[in-house]
Amino acid sequence: SMQRRKRYSFSELMEMTGGALTITQARRAVYKLQ
């Protein structure tokens, strides 16, 4: 759901999931992607 060269805040990343992930799950997913 992320576009190249566009910067997102963490809250925007949470909104892109549509509420499918909790904050902890989203943090873990972002950390793994990093």
PDB file of all heavy atoms in Angstrom:
ATOM      1  N   SER A   1       0.814  -1.218   0.000  1.00  0.00           N
ATOM      2  CA  SER A   1       0.000   0.000   0.000  1.00  0.00           C
ATOM      3  C   SER A   1       0.849   1.270   0.000  1.00  0.00           C
ATOM      4  O   SER A   1       0.325   2.352  -0.229  1.00  0.00           O
ATOM      5  CB  SER A   1      -0.958  -0.005   1.185  1.00  0.00           C
ATOM      6  OG  SER A   1      -0.247  -0.116   2.385  1.00  0.00           O
ATOM      7  N   MET A   2       2.150   1.137   0.222  1.00  0.00           N
ATOM      8  CA  MET A   2       3.038   2.303   0.193  1.00  0.00           C
ATOM      9  C   MET A   2       3.462   2.610  -1.240  1.00  0.00           C
ATOM     10  O   MET A   2       3.681   1.702  -2.029  1.00  0.00           O
ATOM     11  CB  MET A   2       4.294   2.047   1.038  1.00  0.00           C
ATOM     12  CG  MET A   2       4.030   1.904   2.507  1.00  0.00           C
ATOM     13  SD  MET A   2       5.516   1.486   3.434  1.00  0.00           S
ATOM     14  CE  MET A   2       6.301   3.086   3.523  1.00  0.00           C
ATOM     15  N   GLN A   3       3.560   3.897  -1.549  1.00  0.00           N
ATOM     16  CA  GLN A   3       4.047   4.332  -2.848  1.00  0.00           C
ATOM     17  C   GLN A   3       5.511   4.715  -2.719  1.00  0.00           C
ATOM     18  O   GLN A   3       5.942   5.183  -1.675  1.00  0.00           O
ATOM     19  CB  GLN A   3       3.261   5.533  -3.350  1.00  0.00           C
ATOM     20  CG  GLN A   3       1.812   5.253  -3.595  1.00  0.00           C
ATOM     21  CD  GLN A   3       1.082   6.517  -4.006  1.00  0.00           C
ATOM     22  OE1 GLN A   3       1.672   7.581  -4.171  1.00  0.00           O
ATOM     23  NE2 GLN A   3      -0.222   6.406  -4.173  1.00  0.00           N
ATOM     24  N   ARG A   4       6.249   4.506  -3.777  1.00  0.00           N
ATOM     25  CA  ARG A   4       7.664   4.870  -3.758  1.00  0.00           C
ATOM     26  C   ARG A   4       7.824   6.384  -3.641  1.00  0.00           C
ATOM     27  O   ARG A   4       7.036   7.144  -4.185  1.00  0.00           O
ATOM     28  CB  ARG A   4       8.365   4.404  -5.028  1.00  0.00           C
ATOM     29  CG  ARG A   4       8.486   2.912  -5.112  1.00  0.00           C
ATOM     30  CD  ARG A   4       9.313   2.540  -6.323  1.00  0.00           C
ATOM     31  NE  ARG A   4       9.409   1.109  -6.447  1.00  0.00           N
ATOM     32  CZ  ARG A   4      10.375   0.383  -5.903  1.00  0.00           C
ATOM     33  NH1 ARG A   4      11.312   0.963  -5.203  1.00  0.00           N
ATOM     34  NH2 ARG A   4      10.397  -0.922  -6.052  1.00  0.00           N
ATOM     35  N   ARG A   5       8.869   6.784  -2.926  1.00  0.00           N
ATOM     36  CA  ARG A   5       9.273   8.183  -2.758  1.00  0.00           C
ATOM     37  C   ARG A   5       8.248   9.040  -2.016  1.00  0.00           C
ATOM     38  O   ARG A   5       8.323  10.254  -2.046  1.00  0.00           O
ATOM     39  CB  ARG A   5       9.593   8.827  -4.100  1.00  0.00           C
ATOM     40  CG  ARG A   5      10.739   8.170  -4.804  1.00  0.00           C
ATOM     41  CD  ARG A   5      11.094   8.959  -6.046  1.00  0.00           C
ATOM     42  NE  ARG A   5      12.094   8.245  -6.804  1.00  0.00           N
ATOM     43  CZ  ARG A   5      11.997   7.991  -8.082  1.00  0.00           C
ATOM     44  NH1 ARG A   5      10.954   8.406  -8.761  1.00  0.00           N
ATOM     45  NH2 ARG A   5      12.945   7.330  -8.700  1.00  0.00           N
ATOM     46  N   LYS A   6       7.268   8.431  -1.395  1.00  0.00           N
ATOM     47  CA  LYS A   6       6.319   9.190  -0.591  1.00  0.00           C
ATOM     48  C   LYS A   6       6.576   8.845   0.865  1.00  0.00           C
ATOM     49  O   LYS A   6       6.762   7.692   1.214  1.00  0.00           O
ATOM     50  CB  LYS A   6       4.887   8.836  -0.957  1.00  0.00           C
ATOM     51  CG  LYS A   6       3.892   9.677  -0.217  1.00  0.00           C
ATOM     52  CD  LYS A   6       2.484   9.441  -0.670  1.00  0.00           C
ATOM     53  CE  LYS A   6       1.581  10.351   0.152  1.00  0.00           C
ATOM     54  NZ  LYS A   6       0.201   9.985   0.059  1.00  0.00           N
ATOM     55  N   ARG A   7       6.587   9.863   1.711  1.00  0.00           N
ATOM     56  CA  ARG A   7       6.871   9.664   3.127  1.00  0.00           C
ATOM     57  C   ARG A   7       5.572   9.572   3.910  1.00  0.00           C
ATOM     58  O   ARG A   7       4.631  10.314   3.654  1.00  0.00           O
ATOM     59  CB  ARG A   7       7.758  10.786   3.637  1.00  0.00           C
ATOM     60  CG  ARG A   7       9.088  10.756   2.924  1.00  0.00           C
ATOM     61  CD  ARG A   7      10.042  11.786   3.433  1.00  0.00           C
ATOM     62  NE  ARG A   7      11.253  11.728   2.635  1.00  0.00           N
ATOM     63  CZ  ARG A   7      12.433  11.360   3.117  1.00  0.00           C
ATOM     64  NH1 ARG A   7      12.542  11.020   4.366  1.00  0.00           N
ATOM     65  NH2 ARG A   7      13.488  11.329   2.338  1.00  0.00           N
ATOM     66  N   TYR A   8       5.548   8.638   4.841  1.00  0.00           N
ATOM     67  CA  TYR A   8       4.358   8.374   5.633  1.00  0.00           C
ATOM     68  C   TYR A   8       4.683   8.460   7.112  1.00  0.00           C
ATOM     69  O   TYR A   8       5.757   8.055   7.542  1.00  0.00           O
ATOM     70  CB  TYR A   8       3.831   6.956   5.364  1.00  0.00           C
ATOM     71  CG  TYR A   8       3.425   6.698   3.943  1.00  0.00           C
ATOM     72  CD1 TYR A   8       4.315   6.137   3.039  1.00  0.00           C
ATOM     73  CD2 TYR A   8       2.139   6.997   3.507  1.00  0.00           C
ATOM     74  CE1 TYR A   8       3.940   5.887   1.735  1.00  0.00           C
ATOM     75  CE2 TYR A   8       1.760   6.748   2.208  1.00  0.00           C
ATOM     76  CZ  TYR A   8       2.659   6.196   1.320  1.00  0.00           C
ATOM     77  OH  TYR A   8       2.284   5.955   0.045  1.00  0.00           O
ATOM     78  N   SER A   9       3.735   8.939   7.894  1.00  0.00           N
ATOM     79  CA  SER A   9       3.857   8.847   9.341  1.00  0.00           C
ATOM     80  C   SER A   9       3.327   7.471   9.754  1.00  0.00           C
ATOM     81  O   SER A   9       2.682   6.771   8.969  1.00  0.00           O
ATOM     82  CB  SER A   9       3.046   9.952  10.021  1.00  0.00           C
ATOM     83  OG  SER A   9       1.669   9.754   9.778  1.00  0.00           O
ATOM     84  N   PHE A  10       3.568   7.088  10.995  1.00  0.00           N
ATOM     85  CA  PHE A  10       3.092   5.789  11.447  1.00  0.00           C
ATOM     86  C   PHE A  10       1.569   5.729  11.466  1.00  0.00           C
ATOM     87  O   PHE A  10       0.975   4.708  11.136  1.00  0.00           O
ATOM     88  CB  PHE A  10       3.659   5.454  12.830  1.00  0.00           C
ATOM     89  CG  PHE A  10       3.324   4.072  13.283  1.00  0.00           C
ATOM     90  CD1 PHE A  10       4.023   2.986  12.780  1.00  0.00           C
ATOM     91  CD2 PHE A  10       2.314   3.856  14.190  1.00  0.00           C
ATOM     92  CE1 PHE A  10       3.707   1.700  13.169  1.00  0.00           C
ATOM     93  CE2 PHE A  10       1.995   2.577  14.603  1.00  0.00           C
ATOM     94  CZ  PHE A  10       2.697   1.501  14.097  1.00  0.00           C
ATOM     95  N   SER A  11       0.945   6.831  11.818  1.00  0.00           N
ATOM     96  CA  SER A  11      -0.526   6.846  11.830  1.00  0.00           C
ATOM     97  C   SER A  11      -1.088   6.677  10.418  1.00  0.00           C
ATOM     98  O   SER A  11      -2.136   6.049  10.235  1.00  0.00           O
ATOM     99  CB  SER A  11      -1.050   8.128  12.476  1.00  0.00           C
ATOM    100  OG  SER A  11      -0.581   9.258  11.774  1.00  0.00           O
ATOM    101  N   GLU A  12      -0.401   7.206   9.408  1.00  0.00           N
ATOM    102  CA  GLU A  12      -0.839   6.999   8.021  1.00  0.00           C
ATOM    103  C   GLU A  12      -0.686   5.530   7.607  1.00  0.00           C
ATOM    104  O   GLU A  12      -1.531   4.992   6.894  1.00  0.00           O
ATOM    105  CB  GLU A  12      -0.043   7.889   7.069  1.00  0.00           C
ATOM    106  CG  GLU A  12      -0.373   9.359   7.190  1.00  0.00           C
ATOM    107  CD  GLU A  12       0.542  10.222   6.338  1.00  0.00           C
ATOM    108  OE1 GLU A  12       1.716   9.857   6.129  1.00  0.00           O
ATOM    109  OE2 GLU A  12       0.058  11.287   5.893  1.00  0.00           O
ATOM    110  N   LEU A  13       0.381   4.900   8.074  1.00  0.00           N
ATOM    111  CA  LEU A  13       0.548   3.475   7.792  1.00  0.00           C
ATOM    112  C   LEU A  13      -0.571   2.659   8.435  1.00  0.00           C
ATOM    113  O   LEU A  13      -1.075   1.706   7.839  1.00  0.00           O
ATOM    114  CB  LEU A  13       1.908   2.976   8.284  1.00  0.00           C
ATOM    115  CG  LEU A  13       3.139   3.526   7.582  1.00  0.00           C
ATOM    116  CD1 LEU A  13       4.402   2.973   8.232  1.00  0.00           C
ATOM    117  CD2 LEU A  13       3.126   3.188   6.101  1.00  0.00           C
ATOM    118  N   MET A  14      -0.960   3.048   9.633  1.00  0.00           N
ATOM    119  CA  MET A  14      -2.068   2.357  10.310  1.00  0.00           C
ATOM    120  C   MET A  14      -3.380   2.554   9.554  1.00  0.00           C
ATOM    121  O   MET A  14      -4.176   1.628   9.440  1.00  0.00           O
ATOM    122  CB  MET A  14      -2.221   2.882  11.746  1.00  0.00           C
ATOM    123  CG  MET A  14      -1.144   2.432  12.691  1.00  0.00           C
ATOM    124  SD  MET A  14      -1.200   0.680  13.048  1.00  0.00           S
ATOM    125  CE  MET A  14      -2.762   0.541  13.872  1.00  0.00           C
ATOM    126  N   GLU A  15      -3.607   3.750   9.031  1.00  0.00           N
ATOM    127  CA  GLU A  15      -4.825   4.013   8.265  1.00  0.00           C
ATOM    128  C   GLU A  15      -4.860   3.210   6.970  1.00  0.00           C
ATOM    129  O   GLU A  15      -5.923   2.789   6.522  1.00  0.00           O
ATOM    130  CB  GLU A  15      -4.935   5.504   7.948  1.00  0.00           C
ATOM    131  CG  GLU A  15      -5.243   6.364   9.146  1.00  0.00           C
ATOM    132  CD  GLU A  15      -5.204   7.846   8.815  1.00  0.00           C
ATOM    133  OE1 GLU A  15      -5.091   8.199   7.624  1.00  0.00           O
ATOM    134  OE2 GLU A  15      -5.275   8.648   9.760  1.00  0.00           O
ATOM    135  N   MET A  16      -3.696   2.994   6.368  1.00  0.00           N
ATOM    136  CA  MET A  16      -3.652   2.246   5.106  1.00  0.00           C
ATOM    137  C   MET A  16      -4.040   0.784   5.302  1.00  0.00           C
ATOM    138  O   MET A  16      -4.508   0.143   4.375  1.00  0.00           O
ATOM    139  CB  MET A  16      -2.257   2.329   4.470  1.00  0.00           C
ATOM    140  CG  MET A  16      -1.931   3.700   3.955  1.00  0.00           C
ATOM    141  SD  MET A  16      -0.418   3.844   2.995  1.00  0.00           S
ATOM    142  CE  MET A  16       0.772   2.948   3.911  1.00  0.00           C
ATOM    143  N   THR A  17      -3.872   0.267   6.504  1.00  0.00           N
ATOM    144  CA  THR A  17      -4.247  -1.129   6.750  1.00  0.00           C
ATOM    145  C   THR A  17      -5.746  -1.268   6.965  1.00  0.00           C
ATOM    146  O   THR A  17      -6.256  -2.387   6.965  1.00  0.00           O
ATOM    147  CB  THR A  17      -3.503  -1.684   7.981  1.00  0.00           C
ATOM    148  OG1 THR A  17      -3.903  -0.955   9.132  1.00  0.00           O
ATOM    149  CG2 THR A  17      -2.011  -1.617   7.797  1.00  0.00           C
ATOM    150  N   GLY A  18      -6.430  -0.168   7.154  1.00  0.00           N
ATOM    151  CA  GLY A  18      -7.877  -0.213   7.322  1.00  0.00           C
ATOM    152  C   GLY A  18      -8.313  -0.825   8.638  1.00  0.00           C
ATOM    153  O   GLY A  18      -9.381  -1.422   8.722  1.00  0.00           O
ATOM    154  N   GLY A  19      -7.492  -0.735   9.655  1.00  0.00           N
ATOM    155  CA  GLY A  19      -7.846  -1.297  10.949  1.00  0.00           C
ATOM    156  C   GLY A  19      -7.615  -2.793  11.058  1.00  0.00           C
ATOM    157  O   GLY A  19      -8.026  -3.421  12.027  1.00  0.00           O
ATOM    158  N   ALA A  20      -6.957  -3.381  10.054  1.00  0.00           N
ATOM    159  CA  ALA A  20      -6.706  -4.821  10.073  1.00  0.00           C
ATOM    160  C   ALA A  20      -5.620  -5.207  11.063  1.00  0.00           C
ATOM    161  O   ALA A  20      -5.560  -6.358  11.497  1.00  0.00           O
ATOM    162  CB  ALA A  20      -6.324  -5.309   8.676  1.00  0.00           C
ATOM    163  N   LEU A  21      -4.764  -4.252  11.433  1.00  0.00           N
ATOM    164  CA  LEU A  21      -3.660  -4.540  12.345  1.00  0.00           C
ATOM    165  C   LEU A  21      -3.768  -3.696  13.606  1.00  0.00           C
ATOM    166  O   LEU A  21      -4.199  -2.550  13.566  1.00  0.00           O
ATOM    167  CB  LEU A  21      -2.314  -4.236  11.668  1.00  0.00           C
ATOM    168  CG  LEU A  21      -1.981  -4.950  10.379  1.00  0.00           C
ATOM    169  CD1 LEU A  21      -0.634  -4.478   9.849  1.00  0.00           C
ATOM    170  CD2 LEU A  21      -1.959  -6.445  10.580  1.00  0.00           C
ATOM    171  N   THR A  22      -3.348  -4.279  14.713  1.00  0.00           N
ATOM    172  CA  THR A  22      -3.234  -3.500  15.934  1.00  0.00           C
ATOM    173  C   THR A  22      -1.935  -2.698  15.866  1.00  0.00           C
ATOM    174  O   THR A  22      -1.106  -2.917  14.979  1.00  0.00           O
ATOM    175  CB  THR A  22      -3.216  -4.414  17.174  1.00  0.00           C
ATOM    176  OG1 THR A  22      -2.047  -5.236  17.117  1.00  0.00           O
ATOM    177  CG2 THR A  22      -4.461  -5.280  17.236  1.00  0.00           C
ATOM    178  N   ILE A  23      -1.749  -1.798  16.817  1.00  0.00           N
ATOM    179  CA  ILE A  23      -0.532  -0.978  16.818  1.00  0.00           C
ATOM    180  C   ILE A  23       0.704  -1.852  16.977  1.00  0.00           C
ATOM    181  O   ILE A  23       1.706  -1.663  16.285  1.00  0.00           O
ATOM    182  CB  ILE A  23      -0.608   0.079  17.939  1.00  0.00           C
ATOM    183  CG1 ILE A  23      -1.701   1.096  17.617  1.00  0.00           C
ATOM    184  CG2 ILE A  23       0.723   0.776  18.135  1.00  0.00           C
ATOM    185  CD1 ILE A  23      -1.948   2.103  18.711  1.00  0.00           C
ATOM    186  N   THR A  24       0.631  -2.838  17.847  1.00  0.00           N
ATOM    187  CA  THR A  24       1.773  -3.730  18.063  1.00  0.00           C
ATOM    188  C   THR A  24       2.089  -4.538  16.816  1.00  0.00           C
ATOM    189  O   THR A  24       3.260  -4.683  16.440  1.00  0.00           O
ATOM    190  CB  THR A  24       1.485  -4.676  19.242  1.00  0.00           C
ATOM    191  OG1 THR A  24       1.138  -3.900  20.384  1.00  0.00           O
ATOM    192  CG2 THR A  24       2.700  -5.532  19.559  1.00  0.00           C
ATOM    193  N   GLN A  25       1.071  -5.051  16.151  1.00  0.00           N
ATOM    194  CA  GLN A  25       1.296  -5.818  14.923  1.00  0.00           C
ATOM    195  C   GLN A  25       1.894  -4.942  13.832  1.00  0.00           C
ATOM    196  O   GLN A  25       2.787  -5.373  13.102  1.00  0.00           O
ATOM    197  CB  GLN A  25      -0.026  -6.418  14.435  1.00  0.00           C
ATOM    198  CG  GLN A  25      -0.553  -7.517  15.306  1.00  0.00           C
ATOM    199  CD  GLN A  25      -1.941  -7.958  14.881  1.00  0.00           C
ATOM    200  OE1 GLN A  25      -2.715  -7.173  14.318  1.00  0.00           O
ATOM    201  NE2 GLN A  25      -2.270  -9.213  15.149  1.00  0.00           N
ATOM    202  N   ALA A  26       1.412  -3.710  13.729  1.00  0.00           N
ATOM    203  CA  ALA A  26       1.933  -2.799  12.709  1.00  0.00           C
ATOM    204  C   ALA A  26       3.385  -2.435  13.003  1.00  0.00           C
ATOM    205  O   ALA A  26       4.208  -2.377  12.089  1.00  0.00           O
ATOM    206  CB  ALA A  26       1.077  -1.539  12.631  1.00  0.00           C
ATOM    207  N   ARG A  27       3.713  -2.209  14.275  1.00  0.00           N
ATOM    208  CA  ARG A  27       5.102  -1.900  14.628  1.00  0.00           C
ATOM    209  C   ARG A  27       6.035  -3.049  14.279  1.00  0.00           C
ATOM    210  O   ARG A  27       7.128  -2.850  13.762  1.00  0.00           O
ATOM    211  CB  ARG A  27       5.212  -1.579  16.115  1.00  0.00           C
ATOM    212  CG  ARG A  27       4.721  -0.210  16.460  1.00  0.00           C
ATOM    213  CD  ARG A  27       4.974   0.103  17.915  1.00  0.00           C
ATOM    214  NE  ARG A  27       4.439   1.415  18.234  1.00  0.00           N
ATOM    215  CZ  ARG A  27       3.856   1.718  19.359  1.00  0.00           C
ATOM    216  NH1 ARG A  27       3.737   0.824  20.314  1.00  0.00           N
ATOM    217  NH2 ARG A  27       3.398   2.936  19.572  1.00  0.00           N
ATOM    218  N   ARG A  28       5.601  -4.261  14.590  1.00  0.00           N
ATOM    219  CA  ARG A  28       6.418  -5.431  14.265  1.00  0.00           C
ATOM    220  C   ARG A  28       6.589  -5.595  12.763  1.00  0.00           C
ATOM    221  O   ARG A  28       7.668  -5.935  12.283  1.00  0.00           O
ATOM    222  CB  ARG A  28       5.797  -6.689  14.857  1.00  0.00           C
ATOM    223  CG  ARG A  28       5.944  -6.775  16.341  1.00  0.00           C
ATOM    224  CD  ARG A  28       5.329  -8.039  16.884  1.00  0.00           C
ATOM    225  NE  ARG A  28       5.405  -8.046  18.330  1.00  0.00           N
ATOM    226  CZ  ARG A  28       4.597  -8.749  19.107  1.00  0.00           C
ATOM    227  NH1 ARG A  28       3.665  -9.505  18.568  1.00  0.00           N
ATOM    228  NH2 ARG A  28       4.732  -8.706  20.411  1.00  0.00           N
ATOM    229  N   ALA A  29       5.520  -5.369  12.005  1.00  0.00           N
ATOM    230  CA  ALA A  29       5.592  -5.499  10.548  1.00  0.00           C
ATOM    231  C   ALA A  29       6.529  -4.455   9.950  1.00  0.00           C
ATOM    232  O   ALA A  29       7.342  -4.764   9.082  1.00  0.00           O
ATOM    233  CB  ALA A  29       4.193  -5.387   9.945  1.00  0.00           C
ATOM    234  N   VAL A  30       6.431  -3.216  10.434  1.00  0.00           N
ATOM    235  CA  VAL A  30       7.303  -2.155   9.932  1.00  0.00           C
ATOM    236  C   VAL A  30       8.754  -2.443  10.303  1.00  0.00           C
ATOM    237  O   VAL A  30       9.664  -2.262   9.495  1.00  0.00           O
ATOM    238  CB  VAL A  30       6.850  -0.769  10.457  1.00  0.00           C
ATOM    239  CG1 VAL A  30       7.879   0.302  10.165  1.00  0.00           C
ATOM    240  CG2 VAL A  30       5.512  -0.389   9.841  1.00  0.00           C
ATOM    241  N   TYR A  31       8.979  -2.929  11.524  1.00  0.00           N
ATOM    242  CA  TYR A  31      10.346  -3.263  11.949  1.00  0.00           C
ATOM    243  C   TYR A  31      10.932  -4.363  11.067  1.00  0.00           C
ATOM    244  O   TYR A  31      12.088  -4.286  10.650  1.00  0.00           O
ATOM    245  CB  TYR A  31      10.359  -3.697  13.419  1.00  0.00           C
ATOM    246  CG  TYR A  31      11.714  -4.153  13.884  1.00  0.00           C
ATOM    247  CD1 TYR A  31      12.724  -3.219  14.117  1.00  0.00           C
ATOM    248  CD2 TYR A  31      11.996  -5.494  14.067  1.00  0.00           C
ATOM    249  CE1 TYR A  31      13.983  -3.628  14.527  1.00  0.00           C
ATOM    250  CE2 TYR A  31      13.249  -5.910  14.468  1.00  0.00           C
ATOM    251  CZ  TYR A  31      14.232  -4.979  14.696  1.00  0.00           C
ATOM    252  OH  TYR A  31      15.483  -5.386  15.090  1.00  0.00           O
ATOM    253  N   LYS A  32      10.142  -5.367  10.750  1.00  0.00           N
ATOM    254  CA  LYS A  32      10.618  -6.458   9.889  1.00  0.00           C
ATOM    255  C   LYS A  32      10.929  -5.934   8.485  1.00  0.00           C
ATOM    256  O   LYS A  32      11.930  -6.321   7.874  1.00  0.00           O
ATOM    257  CB  LYS A  32       9.575  -7.567   9.829  1.00  0.00           C
ATOM    258  CG  LYS A  32       9.957  -8.733   8.977  1.00  0.00           C
ATOM    259  CD  LYS A  32      11.121  -9.494   9.559  1.00  0.00           C
ATOM    260  CE  LYS A  32      11.393 -10.732   8.725  1.00  0.00           C
ATOM    261  NZ  LYS A  32      12.497 -11.509   9.208  1.00  0.00           N
ATOM    262  N   LEU A  33      10.096  -5.035   7.962  1.00  0.00           N
ATOM    263  CA  LEU A  33      10.362  -4.437   6.655  1.00  0.00           C
ATOM    264  C   LEU A  33      11.647  -3.616   6.679  1.00  0.00           C
ATOM    265  O   LEU A  33      12.387  -3.580   5.697  1.00  0.00           O
ATOM    266  CB  LEU A  33       9.180  -3.571   6.218  1.00  0.00           C
ATOM    267  CG  LEU A  33       7.890  -4.319   5.885  1.00  0.00           C
ATOM    268  CD1 LEU A  33       6.744  -3.341   5.683  1.00  0.00           C
ATOM    269  CD2 LEU A  33       8.073  -5.192   4.663  1.00  0.00           C
ATOM    270  N   GLN A  34      11.923  -2.970   7.807  1.00  0.00           N
ATOM    271  CA  GLN A  34      13.162  -2.204   7.932  1.00  0.00           C
ATOM    272  C   GLN A  34      14.380  -3.127   7.971  1.00  0.00           C
ATOM    273  O   GLN A  34      15.407  -2.822   7.381  1.00  0.00           O
ATOM    274  CB  GLN A  34      13.141  -1.336   9.185  1.00  0.00           C
ATOM    275  CG  GLN A  34      12.232  -0.152   9.084  1.00  0.00           C
ATOM    276  CD  GLN A  34      12.192   0.631  10.378  1.00  0.00           C
ATOM    277  OE1 GLN A  34      12.143   0.062  11.468  1.00  0.00           O
ATOM    278  NE2 GLN A  34      12.215   1.946  10.265  1.00  0.00           N
TER     279      GLN A  34
END
